[in-house]
C-alpha atoms as a PDB file:
ATOM      1  CA  MET A   1      15.839  78.013 199.483  1.00  0.00           C
ATOM      2  CA  PRO A   2      12.790  76.900 197.259  1.00  0.00           C
ATOM      3  CA  ASP A   3       9.708  75.989 199.040  1.00  0.00           C
ATOM      4  CA  ALA A   4      10.162  71.902 199.309  1.00  0.00           C
ATOM      5  CA  ALA A   5       7.027  69.935 197.468  1.00  0.00           C
ATOM      6  CA  PRO A   6       4.407  68.007 199.421  1.00  0.00           C
ATOM      7  CA  LEU A   7       5.988  64.012 200.027  1.00  0.00           C
ATOM      8  CA  PRO A   8       3.850  62.081 197.686  1.00  0.00           C
ATOM      9  CA  LEU A   9       1.333  60.472 200.448  1.00  0.00           C
ATOM     10  CA  ASP A  10      -1.493  58.861 199.303  1.00  0.00           C
ATOM     11  CA  PRO A  11      -4.593  58.815 201.727  1.00  0.00           C
ATOM     12  CA  ARG A  12      -4.825  55.137 201.267  1.00  0.00           C
ATOM     13  CA  ALA A  13      -1.382  54.886 201.962  1.00  0.00           C
ATOM     14  CA  ILE A  14      -1.533  55.716 205.675  1.00  0.00           C
ATOM     15  CA  ARG A  15      -2.206  52.518 208.458  1.00  0.00           C
ATOM     16  CA  LEU A  16      -2.392  53.921 211.973  1.00  0.00           C
ATOM     17  CA  ASP A  17      -3.318  50.757 213.762  1.00  0.00           C
ATOM     18  CA  ALA A  18      -0.870  48.226 212.210  1.00  0.00           C
ATOM     19  CA  GLU A  19       0.589  45.084 214.059  1.00  0.00           C
ATOM     20  CA  ALA A  20       3.812  43.483 213.241  1.00  0.00           C
ATOM     21  CA  GLY A  21       5.178  40.280 214.594  1.00  0.00           C
ATOM     22  CA  SER A  22       8.613  41.357 212.933  1.00  0.00           C
ATOM     23  CA  ARG A  23      11.009  43.673 211.901  1.00  0.00           C
ATOM     24  CA  ASP A  24      10.363  41.988 208.163  1.00  0.00           C
ATOM     25  CA  ASP A  25       6.734  41.469 208.375  1.00  0.00           C
ATOM     26  CA  ALA A  26       6.478  45.427 209.077  1.00  0.00           C
ATOM     27  CA  ILE A  27       8.501  46.382 205.762  1.00  0.00           C
ATOM     28  CA  ARG A  28       6.650  43.756 204.038  1.00  0.00           C
ATOM     29  CA  GLN A  29       3.254  45.571 204.814  1.00  0.00           C
ATOM     30  CA  CYS A  30       5.038  49.025 204.386  1.00  0.00           C
ATOM     31  CA  GLY A  31       5.808  47.438 200.694  1.00  0.00           C
ATOM     32  CA  GLU A  32       2.232  46.032 200.461  1.00  0.00           C
ATOM     33  CA  THR A  33       0.527  49.680 201.401  1.00  0.00           C
ATOM     34  CA  LEU A  34       2.703  50.756 198.724  1.00  0.00           C
ATOM     35  CA  LEU A  35       1.905  47.934 196.305  1.00  0.00           C
ATOM     36  CA  ALA A  36      -2.077  48.317 197.112  1.00  0.00           C
ATOM     37  CA  VAL A  37      -1.963  52.232 195.635  1.00  0.00           C
ATOM     38  CA  GLY A  38      -0.244  51.162 192.273  1.00  0.00           C
ATOM     39  CA  ALA A  39       3.628  53.054 193.245  1.00  0.00           C
ATOM     40  CA  ILE A  40       5.454  49.556 193.030  1.00  0.00           C
ATOM     41  CA  ASP A  41       4.890  46.198 191.618  1.00  0.00           C
ATOM     42  CA  GLU A  42       5.563  43.262 194.112  1.00  0.00           C
ATOM     43  CA  ALA A  43       8.831  42.329 192.889  1.00  0.00           C
ATOM     44  CA  TYR A  44      10.076  46.057 195.050  1.00  0.00           C
ATOM     45  CA  ILE A  45       8.920  44.658 198.604  1.00  0.00           C
ATOM     46  CA  ALA A  46      11.390  41.591 198.443  1.00  0.00           C
ATOM     47  CA  THR A  47      13.708  44.547 197.839  1.00  0.00           C
ATOM     48  CA  MET A  48      12.649  46.111 200.876  1.00  0.00           C
ATOM     49  CA  ILE A  49      13.705  43.345 202.692  1.00  0.00           C
ATOM     50  CA  GLU A  50      17.127  42.989 201.305  1.00  0.00           C
ATOM     51  CA  ARG A  51      18.250  46.665 201.705  1.00  0.00           C
ATOM     52  CA  GLU A  52      17.069  45.729 205.555  1.00  0.00           C
ATOM     53  CA  ARG A  53      19.551  42.877 205.508  1.00  0.00           C
ATOM     54  CA  SER A  54      22.323  44.700 204.451  1.00  0.00           C
ATOM     55  CA  ILE A  55      22.171  47.759 206.302  1.00  0.00           C
ATOM     56  CA  SER A  56      19.468  49.163 208.991  1.00  0.00           C
ATOM     57  CA  THR A  57      16.747  51.914 207.890  1.00  0.00           C
ATOM     58  CA  TYR A  58      16.219  52.258 211.660  1.00  0.00           C
ATOM     59  CA  VAL A  59      16.962  56.325 211.934  1.00  0.00           C
ATOM     60  CA  GLY A  60      16.300  56.414 215.822  1.00  0.00           C
ATOM     61  CA  GLU A  61      13.919  57.671 218.327  1.00  0.00           C
ATOM     62  CA  GLY A  62      11.316  54.428 217.064  1.00  0.00           C
ATOM     63  CA  VAL A  63      11.131  55.451 213.525  1.00  0.00           C
ATOM     64  CA  ALA A  64      12.366  53.010 210.632  1.00  0.00           C
ATOM     65  CA  ILE A  65      12.728  54.278 206.697  1.00  0.00           C
ATOM     66  CA  PRO A  66      12.318  51.309 204.710  1.00  0.00           C
ATOM     67  CA  HIS A  67      13.063  51.238 201.042  1.00  0.00           C
ATOM     68  CA  GLY A  68      14.476  49.158 198.183  1.00  0.00           C
ATOM     69  CA  THR A  69      17.829  48.656 196.885  1.00  0.00           C
ATOM     70  CA  LEU A  70      19.081  49.683 193.739  1.00  0.00           C
ATOM     71  CA  ALA A  71      18.173  46.741 191.794  1.00  0.00           C
ATOM     72  CA  GLY A  72      14.810  47.135 192.486  1.00  0.00           C
ATOM     73  CA  LYS A  73      14.263  50.972 191.013  1.00  0.00           C
ATOM     74  CA  ASP A  74      12.792  49.200 188.117  1.00  0.00           C
ATOM     75  CA  ALA A  75       9.808  47.905 189.991  1.00  0.00           C
ATOM     76  CA  VAL A  76       8.636  51.930 190.730  1.00  0.00           C
ATOM     77  CA  HIS A  77       6.096  53.287 188.837  1.00  0.00           C
ATOM     78  CA  HIS A  78       5.609  56.663 190.605  1.00  0.00           C
ATOM     79  CA  ASP A  79       6.866  58.069 193.364  1.00  0.00           C
ATOM     80  CA  ALA A  80       5.359  57.404 197.048  1.00  0.00           C
ATOM     81  CA  ILE A  81       5.360  56.940 200.952  1.00  0.00           C
ATOM     82  CA  SER A  82       3.175  54.990 203.092  1.00  0.00           C
ATOM     83  CA  VAL A  83       2.870  55.806 206.815  1.00  0.00           C
ATOM     84  CA  LEU A  84       2.175  52.725 208.656  1.00  0.00           C
ATOM     85  CA  ARG A  85       2.262  53.058 212.834  1.00  0.00           C
ATOM     86  CA  PHE A  86       2.341  49.662 215.247  1.00  0.00           C
ATOM     87  CA  PRO A  87       1.425  51.521 218.704  1.00  0.00           C
ATOM     88  CA  GLY A  88       2.481  48.218 219.885  1.00  0.00           C
ATOM     89  CA  GLY A  89       6.025  48.977 218.804  1.00  0.00           C
ATOM     90  CA  VAL A  90       7.954  46.162 216.271  1.00  0.00           C
ATOM     91  CA  ASP A  91      11.271  44.852 217.397  1.00  0.00           C
ATOM     92  CA  TRP A  92      14.072  46.404 214.893  1.00  0.00           C
ATOM     93  CA  ASP A  93      16.874  44.794 215.802  1.00  0.00           C
ATOM     94  CA  GLY A  94      16.521  45.256 219.692  1.00  0.00           C
ATOM     95  CA  GLU A  95      15.335  48.962 218.893  1.00  0.00           C
ATOM     96  CA  PRO A  96      11.302  49.323 219.171  1.00  0.00           C
ATOM     97  CA  VAL A  97       9.741  51.300 216.026  1.00  0.00           C
ATOM     98  CA  VAL A  98       6.519  52.605 216.680  1.00  0.00           C
ATOM     99  CA  LEU A  99       6.515  54.328 212.908  1.00  0.00           C
ATOM    100  CA  CYS A 100       7.452  53.065 209.578  1.00  0.00           C
ATOM    101  CA  VAL A 101       7.900  55.073 206.833  1.00  0.00           C
ATOM    102  CA  GLY A 102       7.926  53.020 203.230  1.00  0.00           C
ATOM    103  CA  ILE A 103       9.928  54.298 200.380  1.00  0.00           C
ATOM    104  CA  ALA A 104       9.490  53.576 197.210  1.00  0.00           C
ATOM    105  CA  ALA A 105      10.978  56.039 194.349  1.00  0.00           C
ATOM    106  CA  ARG A 106      11.934  56.392 190.738  1.00  0.00           C
ATOM    107  CA  ASP A 107      16.019  57.245 189.882  1.00  0.00           C
ATOM    108  CA  ASP A 108      17.312  59.239 192.111  1.00  0.00           C
ATOM    109  CA  GLY A 109      13.940  60.484 193.761  1.00  0.00           C
ATOM    110  CA  HIS A 110      14.479  58.608 197.260  1.00  0.00           C
ATOM    111  CA  VAL A 111      17.318  61.020 197.863  1.00  0.00           C
ATOM    112  CA  ARG A 112      14.900  63.752 198.388  1.00  0.00           C
ATOM    113  CA  LEU A 113      12.481  61.607 200.254  1.00  0.00           C
ATOM    114  CA  LEU A 114      14.895  60.456 202.815  1.00  0.00           C
ATOM    115  CA  SER A 115      16.061  64.230 203.164  1.00  0.00           C
ATOM    116  CA  GLU A 116      12.462  65.618 202.983  1.00  0.00           C
ATOM    117  CA  LEU A 117      11.511  62.913 205.968  1.00  0.00           C
ATOM    118  CA  ALA A 118      14.910  63.753 207.471  1.00  0.00           C
ATOM    119  CA  GLN A 119      14.084  67.351 207.955  1.00  0.00           C
ATOM    120  CA  ILE A 120      10.756  66.701 209.608  1.00  0.00           C
ATOM    121  CA  LEU A 121      11.775  64.105 211.491  1.00  0.00           C
ATOM    122  CA  LEU A 122      14.697  65.948 213.467  1.00  0.00           C
ATOM    123  CA  ASP A 123      11.668  68.320 214.773  1.00  0.00           C
ATOM    124  CA  PRO A 124      11.129  66.775 217.756  1.00  0.00           C
ATOM    125  CA  GLU A 125       7.571  67.660 218.142  1.00  0.00           C
ATOM    126  CA  ARG A 126       6.696  66.795 214.534  1.00  0.00           C
ATOM    127  CA  ALA A 127       8.534  63.037 215.278  1.00  0.00           C
ATOM    128  CA  LYS A 128       5.927  62.545 218.801  1.00  0.00           C
ATOM    129  CA  ALA A 129       3.306  63.871 216.965  1.00  0.00           C
ATOM    130  CA  LEU A 130       3.894  61.395 213.768  1.00  0.00           C
ATOM    131  CA  ARG A 131       4.663  58.509 216.726  1.00  0.00           C
ATOM    132  CA  GLU A 132       1.121  58.816 219.035  1.00  0.00           C
ATOM    133  CA  THR A 133      -1.515  60.237 216.087  1.00  0.00           C
ATOM    134  CA  ALA A 134      -4.319  57.871 215.192  1.00  0.00           C
ATOM    135  CA  ASP A 135      -5.759  60.645 213.081  1.00  0.00           C
ATOM    136  CA  ALA A 136      -4.783  60.486 209.329  1.00  0.00           C
ATOM    137  CA  ALA A 137      -5.765  64.241 208.540  1.00  0.00           C
ATOM    138  CA  GLU A 138      -2.700  64.572 211.318  1.00  0.00           C
ATOM    139  CA  VAL A 139      -0.636  62.493 209.267  1.00  0.00           C
ATOM    140  CA  PHE A 140      -0.418  64.811 206.436  1.00  0.00           C
ATOM    141  CA  ARG A 141      -0.248  68.032 208.078  1.00  0.00           C
ATOM    142  CA  LEU A 142       2.910  67.155 210.231  1.00  0.00           C
ATOM    143  CA  LEU A 143       5.112  65.265 206.668  1.00  0.00           C
ATOM    144  CA  GLN A 144       3.903  68.798 204.693  1.00  0.00           C
ATOM    145  CA  PRO A 145       7.226  70.659 204.176  1.00  0.00           C
ATOM    146  CA  ALA A 146       7.404  73.506 207.694  1.00  0.00           C
ATOM    147  CA  ALA A 147       6.585  76.835 206.181  1.00  0.00           C
ATOM    148  CA  ASP A 148       8.830  79.722 206.783  1.00  0.00           C
ATOM    149  CA  GLU A 149       6.984  81.732 209.975  1.00  0.00           C
END
């Protein structure tokens, strides 16, 4: 299997002390973080909320991966992720979410990003560390593809 590429994470897209009053507020903050690093146009944020209203992006273990709909692809400038940690938790349709990984991708880039994130989050130790860390450098380390040992 070829080596996986590092996830497209700008250091400015990591916020580890976020607070949100609702699921939609958390999604909006993920989108605003992607906007701040130049990955998307503001219109993409509305498609992230639209996606959530049609199908939940909650993936379990306190993690959600909000991303836009197909209609939002034109509002994406380049593939990117944002990582927001909500230490106080956010009610996500009855599930507590402490970690949101927002995704913006052109074409079918979201498939690769979702696949790589799934591999990381399926590792219970890495997923737990991501939910709990308050160190941006640790987030970078945890989101790198696992090296064959």
